[in-house]
Amino acid sequence: MIVLREMRRRAKTLVGPMLGMALTGYFAYHLVEGDRGLRAWVYLTQELRLAKQNLSNAAAERTELEHRVAHMRPDHVDPDLLDAQIRRTLDVTRPDEIVIMAPPEKR
């Protein structure tokens, strides 16, 4: 009986700290591994960096295309650009030209 009473008294003093340690462990785990934890934050940061890089590449390509389209207006056509576009589309060369084949561009 005395042993049982002593065990209950010690259990009552240990329950609070053990519960606090378990709660701290739970929150610490979810701080690192949770849906909004540190690992998810690092992953989203990398995704954001990649998306910004893709955006800047697309913006540069758009600027280049807008520049090319600006020179193809009906009232002002750049002769060199028109010549290059016709040659590229029709695969036409002059007899005195040398053709160097390049690998196709990846898109």
N, C-alpha and C. Protein backbone atom coordinates (compact mmCIF):
# COMPACT_ATOMS: atom_id res chain seq x y z
N MET A 1 0.81 -1.18 0.00
CA MET A 1 0.00 0.00 0.00
C MET A 1 0.86 1.26 0.00
N ILE A 2 1.91 1.24 0.81
CA ILE A 2 2.81 2.39 0.88
C ILE A 2 3.53 2.56 -0.45
N VAL A 3 3.91 1.46 -1.05
CA VAL A 3 4.61 1.50 -2.34
C VAL A 3 3.69 2.07 -3.42
N LEU A 4 2.46 1.65 -3.40
CA LEU A 4 1.49 2.15 -4.39
C LEU A 4 1.26 3.65 -4.22
N ARG A 5 1.13 4.11 -2.97
CA ARG A 5 0.95 5.53 -2.71
C ARG A 5 2.17 6.33 -3.17
N GLU A 6 3.37 5.80 -2.94
CA GLU A 6 4.61 6.46 -3.36
C GLU A 6 4.70 6.53 -4.90
N MET A 7 4.27 5.48 -5.56
CA MET A 7 4.29 5.47 -7.03
C MET A 7 3.31 6.51 -7.59
N ARG A 8 2.14 6.65 -6.98
CA ARG A 8 1.17 7.65 -7.44
C ARG A 8 1.72 9.06 -7.23
N ARG A 9 2.35 9.30 -6.11
CA ARG A 9 2.91 10.62 -5.84
C ARG A 9 4.00 10.97 -6.85
N ARG A 10 4.87 10.01 -7.13
CA ARG A 10 5.94 10.26 -8.12
C ARG A 10 5.36 10.40 -9.53
N ALA A 11 4.34 9.63 -9.84
CA ALA A 11 3.71 9.74 -11.16
C ALA A 11 3.09 11.11 -11.35
N LYS A 12 2.48 11.65 -10.29
CA LYS A 12 1.87 12.97 -10.39
C LYS A 12 2.94 14.04 -10.64
N THR A 13 4.12 13.88 -10.05
CA THR A 13 5.18 14.87 -10.27
C THR A 13 5.83 14.72 -11.63
N LEU A 14 5.75 13.54 -12.23
CA LEU A 14 6.38 13.31 -13.54
C LEU A 14 5.45 13.57 -14.72
N VAL A 15 4.14 13.54 -14.50
CA VAL A 15 3.18 13.70 -15.60
C VAL A 15 3.31 15.06 -16.25
N GLY A 16 3.41 16.11 -15.50
CA GLY A 16 3.51 17.47 -16.06
C GLY A 16 4.74 17.65 -16.94
N PRO A 17 5.94 17.36 -16.45
CA PRO A 17 7.13 17.50 -17.30
C PRO A 17 7.12 16.58 -18.51
N MET A 18 6.64 15.36 -18.34
CA MET A 18 6.59 14.43 -19.48
C MET A 18 5.61 14.93 -20.54
N LEU A 19 4.47 15.45 -20.09
CA LEU A 19 3.51 16.00 -21.03
C LEU A 19 4.08 17.23 -21.74
N GLY A 20 4.80 18.06 -21.01
CA GLY A 20 5.44 19.23 -21.61
C GLY A 20 6.51 18.83 -22.62
N MET A 21 7.31 17.80 -22.31
CA MET A 21 8.33 17.34 -23.26
C MET A 21 7.69 16.75 -24.51
N ALA A 22 6.61 16.01 -24.34
CA ALA A 22 5.91 15.43 -25.49
C ALA A 22 5.33 16.53 -26.38
N LEU A 23 4.74 17.53 -25.75
CA LEU A 23 4.17 18.65 -26.51
C LEU A 23 5.26 19.44 -27.24
N THR A 24 6.38 19.66 -26.57
CA THR A 24 7.51 20.35 -27.21
C THR A 24 8.05 19.53 -28.38
N GLY A 25 8.16 18.24 -28.19
CA GLY A 25 8.63 17.36 -29.28
C GLY A 25 7.69 17.39 -30.47
N TYR A 26 6.39 17.39 -30.20
CA TYR A 26 5.39 17.44 -31.27
C TYR A 26 5.55 18.72 -32.11
N PHE A 27 5.64 19.85 -31.42
CA PHE A 27 5.76 21.12 -32.14
C PHE A 27 7.12 21.25 -32.84
N ALA A 28 8.17 20.72 -32.22
CA ALA A 28 9.49 20.77 -32.85
C ALA A 28 9.50 19.93 -34.13
N TYR A 29 8.87 18.76 -34.10
CA TYR A 29 8.79 17.92 -35.29
C TYR A 29 8.06 18.64 -36.42
N HIS A 30 6.92 19.24 -36.10
CA HIS A 30 6.14 19.92 -37.13
C HIS A 30 6.77 21.23 -37.58
N LEU A 31 7.64 21.80 -36.76
CA LEU A 31 8.39 22.98 -37.18
C LEU A 31 9.31 22.64 -38.34
N VAL A 32 9.86 21.44 -38.32
CA VAL A 32 10.81 21.03 -39.37
C VAL A 32 10.09 20.29 -40.49
N GLU A 33 9.25 19.34 -40.17
CA GLU A 33 8.67 18.43 -41.16
C GLU A 33 7.26 18.77 -41.62
N GLY A 34 6.62 19.71 -41.04
CA GLY A 34 5.21 19.98 -41.34
C GLY A 34 4.99 20.57 -42.72
N ASP A 35 3.71 20.77 -43.06
CA ASP A 35 3.35 21.34 -44.36
C ASP A 35 3.90 22.75 -44.53
N ARG A 36 4.03 23.46 -43.45
CA ARG A 36 4.58 24.82 -43.48
C ARG A 36 5.88 24.89 -42.68
N GLY A 37 6.59 23.77 -42.61
CA GLY A 37 7.82 23.68 -41.84
C GLY A 37 9.02 24.21 -42.61
N LEU A 38 10.18 24.01 -42.03
CA LEU A 38 11.41 24.52 -42.64
C LEU A 38 11.74 23.84 -43.96
N ARG A 39 11.52 22.54 -44.04
CA ARG A 39 11.79 21.85 -45.31
C ARG A 39 10.87 22.34 -46.42
N ALA A 40 9.61 22.52 -46.11
CA ALA A 40 8.66 23.04 -47.10
C ALA A 40 9.05 24.45 -47.51
N TRP A 41 9.52 25.26 -46.57
CA TRP A 41 9.94 26.63 -46.87
C TRP A 41 11.13 26.63 -47.82
N VAL A 42 12.12 25.74 -47.58
CA VAL A 42 13.28 25.65 -48.46
C VAL A 42 12.85 25.20 -49.85
N TYR A 43 11.97 24.21 -49.92
CA TYR A 43 11.48 23.73 -51.21
C TYR A 43 10.75 24.82 -51.98
N LEU A 44 9.88 25.56 -51.30
CA LEU A 44 9.14 26.63 -51.96
C LEU A 44 10.06 27.77 -52.39
N THR A 45 11.11 28.03 -51.62
CA THR A 45 12.07 29.06 -52.00
C THR A 45 12.79 28.67 -53.29
N GLN A 46 13.18 27.40 -53.39
CA GLN A 46 13.82 26.93 -54.62
C GLN A 46 12.86 27.00 -55.80
N GLU A 47 11.63 26.60 -55.60
CA GLU A 47 10.62 26.68 -56.66
C GLU A 47 10.41 28.13 -57.11
N LEU A 48 10.38 29.04 -56.15
CA LEU A 48 10.19 30.46 -56.47
C LEU A 48 11.37 30.99 -57.27
N ARG A 49 12.59 30.61 -56.89
CA ARG A 49 13.78 31.05 -57.62
C ARG A 49 13.75 30.53 -59.06
N LEU A 50 13.35 29.27 -59.24
CA LEU A 50 13.26 28.69 -60.58
C LEU A 50 12.17 29.38 -61.40
N ALA A 51 11.04 29.68 -60.78
CA ALA A 51 9.95 30.36 -61.49
C ALA A 51 10.36 31.77 -61.90
N LYS A 52 11.09 32.47 -61.04
CA LYS A 52 11.57 33.81 -61.41
C LYS A 52 12.56 33.75 -62.56
N GLN A 53 13.41 32.73 -62.57
CA GLN A 53 14.35 32.57 -63.67
C GLN A 53 13.61 32.28 -64.97
N ASN A 54 12.61 31.41 -64.92
CA ASN A 54 11.80 31.13 -66.11
C ASN A 54 11.08 32.38 -66.59
N LEU A 55 10.60 33.18 -65.65
CA LEU A 55 9.92 34.42 -66.02
C LEU A 55 10.87 35.39 -66.71
N SER A 56 12.08 35.51 -66.20
CA SER A 56 13.03 36.43 -66.84
C SER A 56 13.43 35.92 -68.22
N ASN A 57 13.56 34.60 -68.39
CA ASN A 57 13.86 34.05 -69.72
C ASN A 57 12.71 34.31 -70.69
N ALA A 58 11.49 34.12 -70.22
CA ALA A 58 10.33 34.36 -71.08
C ALA A 58 10.21 35.84 -71.43
N ALA A 59 10.51 36.71 -70.47
CA ALA A 59 10.45 38.16 -70.74
C ALA A 59 11.50 38.56 -71.77
N ALA A 60 12.70 37.99 -71.67
CA ALA A 60 13.74 38.29 -72.66
C ALA A 60 13.35 37.80 -74.04
N GLU A 61 12.78 36.60 -74.11
CA GLU A 61 12.34 36.06 -75.40
C GLU A 61 11.21 36.91 -75.98
N ARG A 62 10.30 37.36 -75.11
CA ARG A 62 9.20 38.21 -75.57
C ARG A 62 9.72 39.54 -76.11
N THR A 63 10.70 40.13 -75.41
CA THR A 63 11.27 41.39 -75.87
C THR A 63 11.92 41.22 -77.24
N GLU A 64 12.63 40.10 -77.41
CA GLU A 64 13.26 39.83 -78.71
C GLU A 64 12.22 39.66 -79.81
N LEU A 65 11.14 38.94 -79.51
CA LEU A 65 10.08 38.75 -80.50
C LEU A 65 9.37 40.06 -80.82
N GLU A 66 9.13 40.89 -79.81
CA GLU A 66 8.50 42.18 -80.05
C GLU A 66 9.39 43.06 -80.93
N HIS A 67 10.68 42.97 -80.71
CA HIS A 67 11.63 43.73 -81.53
C HIS A 67 11.58 43.26 -82.99
N ARG A 68 11.54 41.94 -83.17
CA ARG A 68 11.48 41.41 -84.53
C ARG A 68 10.16 41.76 -85.21
N VAL A 69 9.07 41.71 -84.47
CA VAL A 69 7.76 42.01 -85.04
C VAL A 69 7.67 43.50 -85.38
N ALA A 70 8.31 44.34 -84.58
CA ALA A 70 8.28 45.78 -84.84
C ALA A 70 8.93 46.11 -86.18
N HIS A 71 9.89 45.30 -86.59
CA HIS A 71 10.56 45.54 -87.88
C HIS A 71 9.82 44.90 -89.05
N MET A 72 8.70 44.26 -88.80
CA MET A 72 7.93 43.64 -89.87
C MET A 72 6.60 44.34 -90.09
N ARG A 73 6.51 45.59 -89.71
CA ARG A 73 5.28 46.34 -89.95
C ARG A 73 5.09 46.55 -91.45
N PRO A 74 3.86 46.63 -91.90
CA PRO A 74 3.62 46.79 -93.34
C PRO A 74 4.21 48.09 -93.91
N ASP A 75 4.24 49.15 -93.13
CA ASP A 75 4.76 50.40 -93.66
C ASP A 75 6.29 50.46 -93.65
N HIS A 76 6.93 49.59 -92.85
CA HIS A 76 8.39 49.58 -92.81
C HIS A 76 8.87 48.14 -92.58
N VAL A 77 9.42 47.55 -93.62
CA VAL A 77 9.92 46.19 -93.51
C VAL A 77 11.44 46.25 -93.61
N ASP A 78 12.12 45.67 -92.64
CA ASP A 78 13.58 45.60 -92.64
C ASP A 78 13.99 44.57 -93.70
N PRO A 79 14.71 44.99 -94.74
CA PRO A 79 15.04 44.05 -95.82
C PRO A 79 15.91 42.88 -95.36
N ASP A 80 16.85 43.13 -94.46
CA ASP A 80 17.71 42.04 -93.99
C ASP A 80 16.91 41.01 -93.20
N LEU A 81 16.02 41.48 -92.35
CA LEU A 81 15.20 40.57 -91.57
C LEU A 81 14.26 39.78 -92.47
N LEU A 82 13.67 40.43 -93.45
CA LEU A 82 12.79 39.76 -94.39
C LEU A 82 13.55 38.70 -95.19
N ASP A 83 14.76 39.04 -95.64
CA ASP A 83 15.58 38.10 -96.39
C ASP A 83 15.94 36.89 -95.53
N ALA A 84 16.33 37.13 -94.29
CA ALA A 84 16.69 36.02 -93.40
C ALA A 84 15.49 35.13 -93.11
N GLN A 85 14.34 35.74 -92.93
CA GLN A 85 13.13 34.97 -92.64
C GLN A 85 12.73 34.11 -93.85
N ILE A 86 12.82 34.67 -95.05
CA ILE A 86 12.48 33.91 -96.26
C ILE A 86 13.44 32.76 -96.45
N ARG A 87 14.72 33.03 -96.25
CA ARG A 87 15.71 31.95 -96.41
C ARG A 87 15.50 30.84 -95.39
N ARG A 88 15.20 31.20 -94.17
CA ARG A 88 15.00 30.19 -93.12
C ARG A 88 13.74 29.38 -93.41
N THR A 89 12.69 30.02 -93.87
CA THR A 89 11.43 29.33 -94.11
C THR A 89 11.51 28.43 -95.34
N LEU A 90 12.09 28.93 -96.41
CA LEU A 90 12.11 28.18 -97.67
C LEU A 90 13.37 27.36 -97.88
N ASP A 91 14.34 27.46 -96.99
CA ASP A 91 15.63 26.77 -97.14
C ASP A 91 16.28 27.09 -98.47
N VAL A 92 16.40 28.38 -98.76
CA VAL A 92 16.97 28.84 -100.02
C VAL A 92 18.31 29.51 -99.75
N THR A 93 19.29 29.27 -100.64
CA THR A 93 20.59 29.94 -100.55
C THR A 93 20.98 30.43 -101.93
N ARG A 94 21.97 31.32 -101.95
CA ARG A 94 22.52 31.78 -103.23
C ARG A 94 23.59 30.79 -103.68
N PRO A 95 23.90 30.78 -104.97
CA PRO A 95 24.91 29.83 -105.46
C PRO A 95 26.31 30.08 -104.87
N ASP A 96 26.63 31.29 -104.51
CA ASP A 96 27.98 31.57 -104.03
C ASP A 96 28.10 31.49 -102.50
N GLU A 97 27.08 31.02 -101.80
CA GLU A 97 27.11 30.95 -100.35
C GLU A 97 27.54 29.56 -99.87
N ILE A 98 28.15 29.54 -98.69
CA ILE A 98 28.52 28.29 -98.03
C ILE A 98 27.56 28.08 -96.87
N VAL A 99 27.01 26.89 -96.77
CA VAL A 99 26.02 26.58 -95.74
C VAL A 99 26.69 25.74 -94.65
N ILE A 100 26.56 26.19 -93.42
CA ILE A 100 27.06 25.44 -92.28
C ILE A 100 25.86 24.97 -91.48
N MET A 101 25.72 23.67 -91.39
CA MET A 101 24.56 23.10 -90.72
C MET A 101 24.80 23.12 -89.20
N ALA A 102 23.83 23.63 -88.46
CA ALA A 102 23.89 23.67 -87.00
C ALA A 102 22.82 22.75 -86.45
N PRO A 103 23.02 22.20 -85.25
CA PRO A 103 21.96 21.36 -84.67
C PRO A 103 20.72 22.20 -84.39
N PRO A 104 19.55 21.58 -84.48
CA PRO A 104 18.31 22.36 -84.24
C PRO A 104 18.25 22.86 -82.80
N GLU A 105 17.59 24.01 -82.64
CA GLU A 105 17.46 24.61 -81.32
C GLU A 105 16.46 23.81 -80.49
N LYS A 106 16.78 23.64 -79.22
CA LYS A 106 15.85 22.94 -78.32
C LYS A 106 14.88 23.95 -77.74
N ARG A 107 13.63 23.58 -77.66
CA ARG A 107 12.61 24.48 -77.10
C ARG A 107 11.91 23.78 -75.99
